[in-house]
Amino acid sequence: MSEKTNINNSIVIPSKSFYYKDQFTNNWSSQPCAYALDLSLEDFFSKRLIFPLDRIIYSSNDFTFRERTKKNDGQLNLPYMNYYRIGYSEPDRDWWNNYANAFGLMDIGNKGYYKELGSKIRLVPIKIEYESTVFFSQQKDCEYAYSRLLLGGSNETILNPILNTSDENVSLKNIGILNMDLEFNPTYNESDWLVNNKIWTISIDFNVDTFLIYASEEDLFIANNIILNFLLAKNLIKPNVMDSNPKILLEEYFQ
């Protein structure tokens, strides 16, 4: 009688890429337009909450305290906001254009991206979904922030992520339509800890309707000076450490 396999035994699943590296540009998270959108989101929430950029971190709700304390000498240093990309779906808006998807954006009046760059840019509509929480040590601060977020959540907020091109005189402005679902002081699994430490929170589930833009990295990117200014504002690099590869630093931040 053959021995049965115990399905309860531990199974080690190695982390190994299935697709070739040159195919990575076909997904959202590795696209320059993804980073451009997240930079514009941080700029929006920084202004709406009146937070400096170093009070906004890219992390999931489950690991936000760990990430925050790791970057702040073991302190939460409230207030702060975390946000994290959690999913993708097709937008409800009628944005699909067969021509733009199959052949790229048209040049109009002898002007356009194909004429300027010598290559086509293709567009695919996509909805990006995020989770987010804002943490405060004072109830009044939390209430005030909630009122400011309500101003942005009462109407669709239009973001304009900017991408640079191989022609320094040409830039591409994408569109991102932000929709937020707010909840004041929601209950968490760590509710006892939150109550004992008197932390007030705002839960923000939000999504952005935008376009996935297909183009080569040589034609479409985020300029190094924009990345460096962003990372400096978040205290993630020092002014005297400017010889690092900005693109790699940005990718590490959004891992």
C-alpha atoms as a PDB file:
ATOM      1  CA  MET A   1       0.000   0.000   0.000  1.00  0.00           C
ATOM      2  CA  SER A   2       1.475   3.275  -1.038  1.00  0.00           C
ATOM      3  CA  GLU A   3       2.163   5.886   1.596  1.00  0.00           C
ATOM      4  CA  LYS A   4      -0.259   8.808   1.551  1.00  0.00           C
ATOM      5  CA  THR A   5       1.035  12.325   1.317  1.00  0.00           C
ATOM      6  CA  ASN A   6       0.273  14.464   4.341  1.00  0.00           C
ATOM      7  CA  ILE A   7      -1.119  17.684   2.918  1.00  0.00           C
ATOM      8  CA  ASN A   8      -0.674  19.339   6.302  1.00  0.00           C
ATOM      9  CA  ASN A   9       3.107  19.203   6.028  1.00  0.00           C
ATOM     10  CA  SER A  10       4.811  22.540   5.598  1.00  0.00           C
ATOM     11  CA  ILE A  11       5.259  23.497   1.971  1.00  0.00           C
ATOM     12  CA  VAL A  12       7.978  25.947   1.013  1.00  0.00           C
ATOM     13  CA  ILE A  13       7.013  28.128  -1.920  1.00  0.00           C
ATOM     14  CA  PRO A  14      10.047  30.001  -3.280  1.00  0.00           C
ATOM     15  CA  SER A  15       9.622  33.608  -4.342  1.00  0.00           C
ATOM     16  CA  LYS A  16      10.456  33.372  -8.019  1.00  0.00           C
ATOM     17  CA  SER A  17       9.344  35.529 -10.920  1.00  0.00           C
ATOM     18  CA  PHE A  18       7.334  33.729 -13.595  1.00  0.00           C
ATOM     19  CA  TYR A  19       7.486  36.378 -16.294  1.00  0.00           C
ATOM     20  CA  TYR A  20      10.639  37.598 -17.937  1.00  0.00           C
ATOM     21  CA  LYS A  21      11.990  40.932 -16.765  1.00  0.00           C
ATOM     22  CA  ASP A  22      11.281  42.652 -20.081  1.00  0.00           C
ATOM     23  CA  GLN A  23       7.578  41.866 -19.565  1.00  0.00           C
ATOM     24  CA  PHE A  24       7.369  43.673 -16.234  1.00  0.00           C
ATOM     25  CA  THR A  25       6.546  46.946 -17.978  1.00  0.00           C
ATOM     26  CA  ASN A  26       3.157  45.467 -18.906  1.00  0.00           C
ATOM     27  CA  ASN A  27       1.823  45.746 -15.337  1.00  0.00           C
ATOM     28  CA  TRP A  28       0.784  48.809 -13.392  1.00  0.00           C
ATOM     29  CA  SER A  29       3.130  48.695 -10.398  1.00  0.00           C
ATOM     30  CA  SER A  30       6.331  48.895 -12.464  1.00  0.00           C
ATOM     31  CA  GLN A  31       5.100  51.670 -14.730  1.00  0.00           C
ATOM     32  CA  PRO A  32       6.358  55.253 -14.400  1.00  0.00           C
ATOM     33  CA  CYS A  33       2.685  56.311 -14.456  1.00  0.00           C
ATOM     34  CA  ALA A  34       2.146  54.322 -11.215  1.00  0.00           C
ATOM     35  CA  TYR A  35       4.899  56.206  -9.404  1.00  0.00           C
ATOM     36  CA  ALA A  36       3.693  59.510 -10.858  1.00  0.00           C
ATOM     37  CA  LEU A  37       0.186  58.822  -9.537  1.00  0.00           C
ATOM     38  CA  ASP A  38       1.431  57.936  -6.049  1.00  0.00           C
ATOM     39  CA  LEU A  39       3.561  61.087  -5.941  1.00  0.00           C
ATOM     40  CA  SER A  40       0.520  63.167  -6.881  1.00  0.00           C
ATOM     41  CA  LEU A  41      -1.540  61.366  -4.200  1.00  0.00           C
ATOM     42  CA  GLU A  42       1.034  62.182  -1.536  1.00  0.00           C
ATOM     43  CA  ASP A  43       1.055  65.790  -2.675  1.00  0.00           C
ATOM     44  CA  PHE A  44      -2.757  65.944  -2.483  1.00  0.00           C
ATOM     45  CA  PHE A  45      -3.008  64.412   1.008  1.00  0.00           C
ATOM     46  CA  SER A  46      -0.062  66.467   2.250  1.00  0.00           C
ATOM     47  CA  LYS A  47      -1.908  69.658   1.301  1.00  0.00           C
ATOM     48  CA  ARG A  48      -5.333  68.438   2.440  1.00  0.00           C
ATOM     49  CA  LEU A  49      -4.089  67.314   5.863  1.00  0.00           C
ATOM     50  CA  ILE A  50      -1.450  70.056   6.146  1.00  0.00           C
ATOM     51  CA  PHE A  51       1.161  67.325   6.690  1.00  0.00           C
ATOM     52  CA  PRO A  52       4.791  67.512   5.614  1.00  0.00           C
ATOM     53  CA  LEU A  53       5.612  64.609   3.301  1.00  0.00           C
ATOM     54  CA  ASP A  54       7.591  62.811   6.012  1.00  0.00           C
ATOM     55  CA  ARG A  55       4.297  62.236   7.861  1.00  0.00           C
ATOM     56  CA  ILE A  56       2.959  60.144   4.957  1.00  0.00           C
ATOM     57  CA  ILE A  57       4.269  56.608   4.482  1.00  0.00           C
ATOM     58  CA  TYR A  58       3.626  53.872   1.941  1.00  0.00           C
ATOM     59  CA  SER A  59       2.594  50.822   3.987  1.00  0.00           C
ATOM     60  CA  SER A  60      -0.381  48.554   4.534  1.00  0.00           C
ATOM     61  CA  ASN A  61      -2.761  48.972   7.468  1.00  0.00           C
ATOM     62  CA  ASP A  62      -1.554  45.664   8.937  1.00  0.00           C
ATOM     63  CA  PHE A  63       2.108  46.708   9.104  1.00  0.00           C
ATOM     64  CA  THR A  64       1.844  50.469   9.426  1.00  0.00           C
ATOM     65  CA  PHE A  65       3.107  50.722  13.043  1.00  0.00           C
ATOM     66  CA  ARG A  66       6.105  48.570  12.190  1.00  0.00           C
ATOM     67  CA  GLU A  67       6.986  50.691   9.164  1.00  0.00           C
ATOM     68  CA  ARG A  68       6.418  53.977  10.983  1.00  0.00           C
ATOM     69  CA  THR A  69       8.561  53.104  13.995  1.00  0.00           C
ATOM     70  CA  LYS A  70      11.292  51.664  11.773  1.00  0.00           C
ATOM     71  CA  LYS A  71      11.706  55.050  10.095  1.00  0.00           C
ATOM     72  CA  ASN A  72      11.312  57.125  13.290  1.00  0.00           C
ATOM     73  CA  ASP A  73      13.773  55.685  15.809  1.00  0.00           C
ATOM     74  CA  GLY A  74      11.147  53.406  17.331  1.00  0.00           C
ATOM     75  CA  GLN A  75       8.544  56.178  17.736  1.00  0.00           C
ATOM     76  CA  LEU A  76       5.151  56.552  16.056  1.00  0.00           C
ATOM     77  CA  ASN A  77       5.530  60.342  16.101  1.00  0.00           C
ATOM     78  CA  LEU A  78       1.844  61.166  15.556  1.00  0.00           C
ATOM     79  CA  PRO A  79       0.112  62.364  13.508  1.00  0.00           C
ATOM     80  CA  TYR A  80       0.861  60.455  10.337  1.00  0.00           C
ATOM     81  CA  MET A  81      -0.883  58.758   7.427  1.00  0.00           C
ATOM     82  CA  ASN A  82      -0.253  55.430   5.738  1.00  0.00           C
ATOM     83  CA  TYR A  83      -1.615  54.315   2.368  1.00  0.00           C
ATOM     84  CA  TYR A  84      -1.175  51.183   0.263  1.00  0.00           C
ATOM     85  CA  ARG A  85      -2.222  49.916  -3.145  1.00  0.00           C
ATOM     86  CA  ILE A  86      -4.453  46.850  -2.681  1.00  0.00           C
ATOM     87  CA  GLY A  87      -6.175  46.126  -5.979  1.00  0.00           C
ATOM     88  CA  TYR A  88      -7.103  46.858  -9.558  1.00  0.00           C
ATOM     89  CA  SER A  89     -10.311  46.772 -11.557  1.00  0.00           C
ATOM     90  CA  GLU A  90     -11.885  48.167 -14.690  1.00  0.00           C
ATOM     91  CA  PRO A  91     -13.266  51.686 -14.201  1.00  0.00           C
ATOM     92  CA  ASP A  92     -16.991  52.294 -14.594  1.00  0.00           C
ATOM     93  CA  ARG A  93     -16.287  55.266 -16.835  1.00  0.00           C
ATOM     94  CA  ASP A  94     -16.601  54.879 -20.575  1.00  0.00           C
ATOM     95  CA  TRP A  95     -12.944  55.623 -21.205  1.00  0.00           C
ATOM     96  CA  TRP A  96     -12.052  52.674 -23.422  1.00  0.00           C
ATOM     97  CA  ASN A  97     -10.860  53.671 -26.874  1.00  0.00           C
ATOM     98  CA  ASN A  98      -9.989  50.872 -29.296  1.00  0.00           C
ATOM     99  CA  TYR A  99      -7.835  53.095 -31.488  1.00  0.00           C
ATOM    100  CA  ALA A 100      -5.817  54.525 -28.581  1.00  0.00           C
ATOM    101  CA  ASN A 101      -5.267  51.011 -27.257  1.00  0.00           C
ATOM    102  CA  ALA A 102      -4.355  49.339 -30.551  1.00  0.00           C
ATOM    103  CA  PHE A 103      -2.518  52.119 -32.367  1.00  0.00           C
ATOM    104  CA  GLY A 104      -1.657  54.768 -29.788  1.00  0.00           C
ATOM    105  CA  LEU A 105      -2.626  58.401 -29.380  1.00  0.00           C
ATOM    106  CA  MET A 106      -3.306  60.213 -32.614  1.00  0.00           C
ATOM    107  CA  ASP A 107      -1.318  63.230 -33.692  1.00  0.00           C
ATOM    108  CA  ILE A 108      -3.662  66.142 -34.277  1.00  0.00           C
ATOM    109  CA  GLY A 109      -2.778  69.109 -36.418  1.00  0.00           C
ATOM    110  CA  ASN A 110       0.663  67.684 -37.165  1.00  0.00           C
ATOM    111  CA  LYS A 111       1.408  67.803 -33.422  1.00  0.00           C
ATOM    112  CA  GLY A 112       1.439  64.979 -30.919  1.00  0.00           C
ATOM    113  CA  TYR A 113       3.517  62.463 -29.023  1.00  0.00           C
ATOM    114  CA  TYR A 114       4.338  60.287 -32.012  1.00  0.00           C
ATOM    115  CA  LYS A 115       5.691  63.275 -33.916  1.00  0.00           C
ATOM    116  CA  GLU A 116       7.630  64.558 -30.896  1.00  0.00           C
ATOM    117  CA  LEU A 117       8.960  61.232 -29.559  1.00  0.00           C
ATOM    118  CA  GLY A 118       9.068  59.079 -32.639  1.00  0.00           C
ATOM    119  CA  SER A 119       7.124  56.302 -30.889  1.00  0.00           C
ATOM    120  CA  LYS A 120       3.489  55.641 -30.024  1.00  0.00           C
ATOM    121  CA  ILE A 121       1.859  55.922 -26.607  1.00  0.00           C
ATOM    122  CA  ARG A 122      -1.009  53.538 -25.863  1.00  0.00           C
ATOM    123  CA  LEU A 123      -3.674  54.041 -23.205  1.00  0.00           C
ATOM    124  CA  VAL A 124      -5.663  51.508 -21.129  1.00  0.00           C
ATOM    125  CA  PRO A 125      -8.171  52.746 -18.498  1.00  0.00           C
ATOM    126  CA  ILE A 126      -7.728  51.242 -15.025  1.00  0.00           C
ATOM    127  CA  LYS A 127      -9.057  51.738 -11.482  1.00  0.00           C
ATOM    128  CA  ILE A 128      -6.454  51.595  -8.690  1.00  0.00           C
ATOM    129  CA  GLU A 129      -7.717  50.768  -5.188  1.00  0.00           C
ATOM    130  CA  TYR A 130      -6.015  51.791  -1.932  1.00  0.00           C
ATOM    131  CA  GLU A 131      -6.392  51.394   1.822  1.00  0.00           C
ATOM    132  CA  SER A 132      -5.300  54.138   4.192  1.00  0.00           C
ATOM    133  CA  THR A 133      -5.455  55.300   7.807  1.00  0.00           C
ATOM    134  CA  VAL A 134      -4.601  58.618   9.439  1.00  0.00           C
ATOM    135  CA  PHE A 135      -3.519  58.509  13.106  1.00  0.00           C
ATOM    136  CA  PHE A 136      -3.777  61.312  15.689  1.00  0.00           C
ATOM    137  CA  SER A 137      -3.076  61.674  19.401  1.00  0.00           C
ATOM    138  CA  GLN A 138      -5.763  64.360  19.886  1.00  0.00           C
ATOM    139  CA  GLN A 139      -9.479  64.084  19.163  1.00  0.00           C
ATOM    140  CA  LYS A 140      -9.764  67.695  18.007  1.00  0.00           C
ATOM    141  CA  ASP A 141      -6.944  67.233  15.509  1.00  0.00           C
ATOM    142  CA  CYS A 142      -8.671  64.144  14.155  1.00  0.00           C
ATOM    143  CA  GLU A 143     -11.994  65.968  13.844  1.00  0.00           C
ATOM    144  CA  TYR A 144     -10.406  68.889  12.041  1.00  0.00           C
ATOM    145  CA  ALA A 145      -8.577  66.602   9.609  1.00  0.00           C
ATOM    146  CA  TYR A 146     -11.806  64.703   8.979  1.00  0.00           C
ATOM    147  CA  SER A 147     -13.590  67.938   8.085  1.00  0.00           C
ATOM    148  CA  ARG A 148     -10.817  68.830   5.631  1.00  0.00           C
ATOM    149  CA  LEU A 149     -10.957  65.391   4.031  1.00  0.00           C
ATOM    150  CA  LEU A 150     -14.725  65.715   3.682  1.00  0.00           C
ATOM    151  CA  LEU A 151     -14.176  68.802   1.546  1.00  0.00           C
ATOM    152  CA  GLY A 152     -12.123  66.698  -0.849  1.00  0.00           C
ATOM    153  CA  GLY A 153     -14.419  63.686  -0.618  1.00  0.00           C
ATOM    154  CA  SER A 154     -17.650  65.562  -1.334  1.00  0.00           C
ATOM    155  CA  ASN A 155     -16.728  65.869  -5.002  1.00  0.00           C
ATOM    156  CA  GLU A 156     -14.515  63.964  -7.383  1.00  0.00           C
ATOM    157  CA  THR A 157     -10.977  65.214  -7.036  1.00  0.00           C
ATOM    158  CA  ILE A 158      -8.941  65.417 -10.230  1.00  0.00           C
ATOM    159  CA  LEU A 159      -5.231  64.712 -10.008  1.00  0.00           C
ATOM    160  CA  ASN A 160      -2.757  65.340 -12.821  1.00  0.00           C
ATOM    161  CA  PRO A 161       0.293  63.095 -12.506  1.00  0.00           C
ATOM    162  CA  ILE A 162       3.106  64.465 -14.666  1.00  0.00           C
ATOM    163  CA  LEU A 163       5.529  62.321 -16.656  1.00  0.00           C
ATOM    164  CA  ASN A 164       8.659  63.514 -18.385  1.00  0.00           C
ATOM    165  CA  THR A 165       9.607  62.410 -21.885  1.00  0.00           C
ATOM    166  CA  SER A 166      12.784  61.948 -23.881  1.00  0.00           C
ATOM    167  CA  ASP A 167      12.133  65.429 -25.292  1.00  0.00           C
ATOM    168  CA  GLU A 168      12.800  67.879 -22.446  1.00  0.00           C
ATOM    169  CA  ASN A 169      10.306  70.298 -23.996  1.00  0.00           C
ATOM    170  CA  VAL A 170       7.479  67.740 -23.918  1.00  0.00           C
ATOM    171  CA  SER A 171       5.753  66.375 -20.807  1.00  0.00           C
ATOM    172  CA  LEU A 172       2.710  64.151 -20.475  1.00  0.00           C
ATOM    173  CA  LYS A 173      -0.107  64.939 -18.063  1.00  0.00           C
ATOM    174  CA  ASN A 174      -2.127  61.875 -17.059  1.00  0.00           C
ATOM    175  CA  ILE A 175      -5.479  62.107 -15.270  1.00  0.00           C
ATOM    176  CA  GLY A 176      -6.472  60.558 -11.973  1.00  0.00           C
ATOM    177  CA  ILE A 177     -10.003  60.913 -10.574  1.00  0.00           C
ATOM    178  CA  LEU A 178      -9.928  60.308  -6.823  1.00  0.00           C
ATOM    179  CA  ASN A 179     -12.935  58.993  -4.869  1.00  0.00           C
ATOM    180  CA  MET A 180     -12.771  58.540  -1.078  1.00  0.00           C
ATOM    181  CA  ASP A 181     -14.829  56.602   1.485  1.00  0.00           C
ATOM    182  CA  LEU A 182     -14.149  58.050   4.945  1.00  0.00           C
ATOM    183  CA  GLU A 183     -14.833  56.599   8.398  1.00  0.00           C
ATOM    184  CA  PHE A 184     -14.114  58.499  11.607  1.00  0.00           C
ATOM    185  CA  ASN A 185     -12.370  56.554  14.400  1.00  0.00           C
ATOM    186  CA  PRO A 186     -13.171  53.024  13.089  1.00  0.00           C
ATOM    187  CA  THR A 187     -12.642  49.863  15.142  1.00  0.00           C
ATOM    188  CA  TYR A 188      -9.481  47.840  14.524  1.00  0.00           C
ATOM    189  CA  ASN A 189      -8.163  44.462  15.643  1.00  0.00           C
ATOM    190  CA  GLU A 190      -5.706  46.439  17.737  1.00  0.00           C
ATOM    191  CA  SER A 191      -8.595  48.401  19.313  1.00  0.00           C
ATOM    192  CA  ASP A 192      -7.487  47.772  22.892  1.00  0.00           C
ATOM    193  CA  TRP A 193      -4.039  49.105  22.121  1.00  0.00           C
ATOM    194  CA  LEU A 194      -5.471  52.100  20.312  1.00  0.00           C
ATOM    195  CA  VAL A 195      -7.890  52.951  23.128  1.00  0.00           C
ATOM    196  CA  ASN A 196      -5.300  52.540  25.876  1.00  0.00           C
ATOM    197  CA  ASN A 197      -2.913  54.810  24.038  1.00  0.00           C
ATOM    198  CA  LYS A 198      -5.664  57.279  23.111  1.00  0.00           C
ATOM    199  CA  ILE A 199      -5.044  57.200  19.372  1.00  0.00           C
ATOM    200  CA  TRP A 200      -7.738  58.639  17.116  1.00  0.00           C
ATOM    201  CA  THR A 201      -8.030  57.463  13.542  1.00  0.00           C
ATOM    202  CA  ILE A 202      -9.627  58.153  10.179  1.00  0.00           C
ATOM    203  CA  SER A 203     -10.026  55.226   7.808  1.00  0.00           C
ATOM    204  CA  ILE A 204      -9.825  56.109   4.111  1.00  0.00           C
ATOM    205  CA  ASP A 205     -10.681  53.594   1.422  1.00  0.00           C
ATOM    206  CA  PHE A 206     -10.100  55.323  -1.878  1.00  0.00           C
ATOM    207  CA  ASN A 207      -9.723  54.551  -5.545  1.00  0.00           C
ATOM    208  CA  VAL A 208      -8.395  56.412  -8.565  1.00  0.00           C
ATOM    209  CA  ASP A 209      -9.614  56.105 -12.154  1.00  0.00           C
ATOM    210  CA  THR A 210      -6.659  56.685 -14.444  1.00  0.00           C
ATOM    211  CA  PHE A 211      -4.821  55.388 -17.507  1.00  0.00           C
ATOM    212  CA  LEU A 212      -2.140  52.761 -17.801  1.00  0.00           C
ATOM    213  CA  ILE A 213       0.262  54.290 -20.312  1.00  0.00           C
ATOM    214  CA  TYR A 214       2.343  51.976 -22.473  1.00  0.00           C
ATOM    215  CA  ALA A 215       5.628  53.454 -23.633  1.00  0.00           C
ATOM    216  CA  SER A 216       9.315  52.617 -23.387  1.00  0.00           C
ATOM    217  CA  GLU A 217      11.262  53.720 -20.296  1.00  0.00           C
ATOM    218  CA  GLU A 218      13.457  55.848 -22.539  1.00  0.00           C
ATOM    219  CA  ASP A 219      10.410  57.792 -23.747  1.00  0.00           C
ATOM    220  CA  LEU A 220       8.429  58.122 -20.521  1.00  0.00           C
ATOM    221  CA  PHE A 221       9.810  58.527 -16.988  1.00  0.00           C
ATOM    222  CA  ILE A 222       9.918  60.660 -13.845  1.00  0.00           C
ATOM    223  CA  ALA A 223      12.776  63.160 -13.860  1.00  0.00           C
ATOM    224  CA  ASN A 224      15.596  62.544 -11.386  1.00  0.00           C
ATOM    225  CA  ASN A 225      15.246  65.969  -9.779  1.00  0.00           C
ATOM    226  CA  ILE A 226      11.552  65.318  -9.024  1.00  0.00           C
ATOM    227  CA  ILE A 227      12.388  61.987  -7.380  1.00  0.00           C
ATOM    228  CA  LEU A 228      15.245  63.455  -5.339  1.00  0.00           C
ATOM    229  CA  ASN A 229      13.157  66.404  -4.132  1.00  0.00           C
ATOM    230  CA  PHE A 230      10.406  63.966  -3.101  1.00  0.00           C
ATOM    231  CA  LEU A 231      12.793  61.724  -1.159  1.00  0.00           C
ATOM    232  CA  LEU A 232      14.524  64.698   0.465  1.00  0.00           C
ATOM    233  CA  ALA A 233      11.157  66.045   1.645  1.00  0.00           C
ATOM    234  CA  LYS A 234      10.477  62.660   3.261  1.00  0.00           C
ATOM    235  CA  ASN A 235      13.914  62.590   4.947  1.00  0.00           C
ATOM    236  CA  LEU A 236      14.737  59.336   3.184  1.00  0.00           C
ATOM    237  CA  ILE A 237      18.049  60.593   1.800  1.00  0.00           C
ATOM    238  CA  LYS A 238      20.549  63.211   2.886  1.00  0.00           C
ATOM    239  CA  PRO A 239      21.539  66.193   0.708  1.00  0.00           C
ATOM    240  CA  ASN A 240      25.112  64.877   0.571  1.00  0.00           C
ATOM    241  CA  VAL A 241      23.982  61.447  -0.702  1.00  0.00           C
ATOM    242  CA  MET A 242      22.902  62.497  -4.172  1.00  0.00           C
ATOM    243  CA  ASP A 243      24.967  60.062  -6.200  1.00  0.00           C
ATOM    244  CA  SER A 244      22.529  57.168  -5.718  1.00  0.00           C
ATOM    245  CA  ASN A 245      20.270  56.063  -8.562  1.00  0.00           C
ATOM    246  CA  PRO A 246      17.006  58.017  -7.985  1.00  0.00           C
ATOM    247  CA  LYS A 247      14.897  55.451  -9.829  1.00  0.00           C
ATOM    248  CA  ILE A 248      16.139  52.608  -7.619  1.00  0.00           C
ATOM    249  CA  LEU A 249      15.518  54.680  -4.473  1.00  0.00           C
ATOM    250  CA  LEU A 250      11.952  55.370  -5.590  1.00  0.00           C
ATOM    251  CA  GLU A 251      11.322  51.694  -6.348  1.00  0.00           C
ATOM    252  CA  GLU A 252      12.625  50.745  -2.888  1.00  0.00           C
ATOM    253  CA  TYR A 253      10.267  53.230  -1.236  1.00  0.00           C
ATOM    254  CA  PHE A 254       7.207  51.751  -2.961  1.00  0.00           C
ATOM    255  CA  GLN A 255       8.125  48.109  -2.363  1.00  0.00           C
END
